[in-house]
């Protein structure tokens, strides 16, 4: 039970950081500076729905790594 939890926790953290880095790269690539507008730094965007989706993917990944061998033998 604890092993599944740790796999879930690690895969959730990895997927979350991959998403954060990927979205930051995409935003940086498509950013066009406007020199006539004041720059705003440090805005944090929290998306609870996205975090729920990432947690669900991490749970499915953790479950797929621990397939019961009894089910495979049948």
C-alpha atoms as a PDB file:
ATOM      1  CA  UNK A   1       0.000   0.000   0.000  1.00  0.00           C
ATOM      2  CA  UNK A   2       2.723   2.480   0.911  1.00  0.00           C
ATOM      3  CA  UNK A   3       4.710   1.539  -2.191  1.00  0.00           C
ATOM      4  CA  UNK A   4       1.759   2.489  -4.422  1.00  0.00           C
ATOM      5  CA  UNK A   5       1.396   5.763  -2.549  1.00  0.00           C
ATOM      6  CA  UNK A   6       5.051   6.662  -3.064  1.00  0.00           C
ATOM      7  CA  UNK A   7       4.863   5.799  -6.762  1.00  0.00           C
ATOM      8  CA  UNK A   8       1.739   7.953  -7.034  1.00  0.00           C
ATOM      9  CA  UNK A   9       3.372  10.819  -5.156  1.00  0.00           C
ATOM     10  CA  UNK A  10       6.568  10.753  -7.224  1.00  0.00           C
ATOM     11  CA  UNK A  11       4.727  10.445 -10.538  1.00  0.00           C
ATOM     12  CA  UNK A  12       2.378  13.294  -9.563  1.00  0.00           C
ATOM     13  CA  UNK A  13       5.282  15.579  -8.682  1.00  0.00           C
ATOM     14  CA  UNK A  14       7.120  14.701 -11.912  1.00  0.00           C
ATOM     15  CA  UNK A  15       4.047  15.232 -14.106  1.00  0.00           C
ATOM     16  CA  UNK A  16       3.272  18.534 -12.368  1.00  0.00           C
ATOM     17  CA  UNK A  17       6.806  19.866 -12.865  1.00  0.00           C
ATOM     18  CA  UNK A  18       6.881  18.670 -16.478  1.00  0.00           C
ATOM     19  CA  UNK A  19       3.638  20.550 -17.097  1.00  0.00           C
ATOM     20  CA  UNK A  20       4.937  23.700 -15.385  1.00  0.00           C
ATOM     21  CA  UNK A  21       8.200  23.696 -17.362  1.00  0.00           C
ATOM     22  CA  UNK A  22       6.432  22.840 -20.625  1.00  0.00           C
ATOM     23  CA  UNK A  23       3.838  25.572 -20.244  1.00  0.00           C
ATOM     24  CA  UNK A  24       6.581  28.056 -19.319  1.00  0.00           C
ATOM     25  CA  UNK A  25       8.535  27.148 -22.447  1.00  0.00           C
ATOM     26  CA  UNK A  26       5.447  27.526 -24.633  1.00  0.00           C
ATOM     27  CA  UNK A  27       4.621  30.902 -23.091  1.00  0.00           C
ATOM     28  CA  UNK A  28       8.210  32.053 -23.573  1.00  0.00           C
ATOM     29  CA  UNK A  29       8.264  30.960 -27.215  1.00  0.00           C
ATOM     30  CA  UNK A  30       5.033  32.787 -28.092  1.00  0.00           C
ATOM     31  CA  UNK A  31       5.717  35.919 -26.020  1.00  0.00           C
ATOM     32  CA  UNK A  32       5.928  39.171 -27.955  1.00  0.00           C
ATOM     33  CA  UNK A  33       7.053  42.086 -25.824  1.00  0.00           C
ATOM     34  CA  UNK A  34       5.069  45.306 -25.813  1.00  0.00           C
ATOM     35  CA  UNK A  35       7.510  48.080 -24.982  1.00  0.00           C
ATOM     36  CA  UNK A  36       4.740  50.630 -24.392  1.00  0.00           C
ATOM     37  CA  UNK A  37       3.098  48.681 -21.572  1.00  0.00           C
ATOM     38  CA  UNK A  38       4.191  48.240 -17.955  1.00  0.00           C
ATOM     39  CA  UNK A  39       5.685  44.821 -17.250  1.00  0.00           C
ATOM     40  CA  UNK A  40       4.081  42.682 -14.541  1.00  0.00           C
ATOM     41  CA  UNK A  41       6.104  39.873 -13.007  1.00  0.00           C
ATOM     42  CA  UNK A  42       5.271  37.219 -10.444  1.00  0.00           C
ATOM     43  CA  UNK A  43       1.698  36.358 -11.342  1.00  0.00           C
ATOM     44  CA  UNK A  44       0.807  32.857 -10.210  1.00  0.00           C
ATOM     45  CA  UNK A  45      -1.931  30.987 -12.026  1.00  0.00           C
ATOM     46  CA  UNK A  46      -3.507  28.156 -10.086  1.00  0.00           C
ATOM     47  CA  UNK A  47      -5.650  25.715 -12.006  1.00  0.00           C
ATOM     48  CA  UNK A  48      -7.323  23.240  -9.635  1.00  0.00           C
ATOM     49  CA  UNK A  49      -8.913  21.350 -12.538  1.00  0.00           C
ATOM     50  CA  UNK A  50      -5.539  20.893 -14.200  1.00  0.00           C
ATOM     51  CA  UNK A  51      -4.019  19.694 -10.928  1.00  0.00           C
ATOM     52  CA  UNK A  52      -6.862  17.174 -10.646  1.00  0.00           C
ATOM     53  CA  UNK A  53      -6.162  15.911 -14.171  1.00  0.00           C
ATOM     54  CA  UNK A  54      -2.434  15.588 -13.447  1.00  0.00           C
ATOM     55  CA  UNK A  55      -3.180  13.766 -10.188  1.00  0.00           C
ATOM     56  CA  UNK A  56      -5.496  11.382 -12.048  1.00  0.00           C
ATOM     57  CA  UNK A  57      -2.798  10.660 -14.635  1.00  0.00           C
ATOM     58  CA  UNK A  58      -0.291  10.044 -11.852  1.00  0.00           C
ATOM     59  CA  UNK A  59      -2.722   7.661 -10.146  1.00  0.00           C
ATOM     60  CA  UNK A  60      -3.288   5.734 -13.378  1.00  0.00           C
ATOM     61  CA  UNK A  61       0.476   5.534 -13.925  1.00  0.00           C
ATOM     62  CA  UNK A  62       0.985   4.232 -10.390  1.00  0.00           C
ATOM     63  CA  UNK A  63      -1.751   1.630 -10.871  1.00  0.00           C
ATOM     64  CA  UNK A  64      -0.355   0.484 -14.218  1.00  0.00           C
ATOM     65  CA  UNK A  65       3.069  -0.149 -12.675  1.00  0.00           C
ATOM     66  CA  UNK A  66       1.583  -2.561 -10.136  1.00  0.00           C
ATOM     67  CA  UNK A  67      -0.435  -4.979 -12.262  1.00  0.00           C
ATOM     68  CA  UNK A  68      -1.464  -8.034 -10.273  1.00  0.00           C
ATOM     69  CA  UNK A  69       0.384 -11.065 -11.630  1.00  0.00           C
ATOM     70  CA  UNK A  70      -2.541 -13.347 -10.751  1.00  0.00           C
ATOM     71  CA  UNK A  71      -4.700 -11.476 -13.252  1.00  0.00           C
ATOM     72  CA  UNK A  72      -2.049 -11.913 -15.947  1.00  0.00           C
ATOM     73  CA  UNK A  73      -1.859 -15.693 -15.435  1.00  0.00           C
ATOM     74  CA  UNK A  74      -5.594 -16.252 -15.989  1.00  0.00           C
END
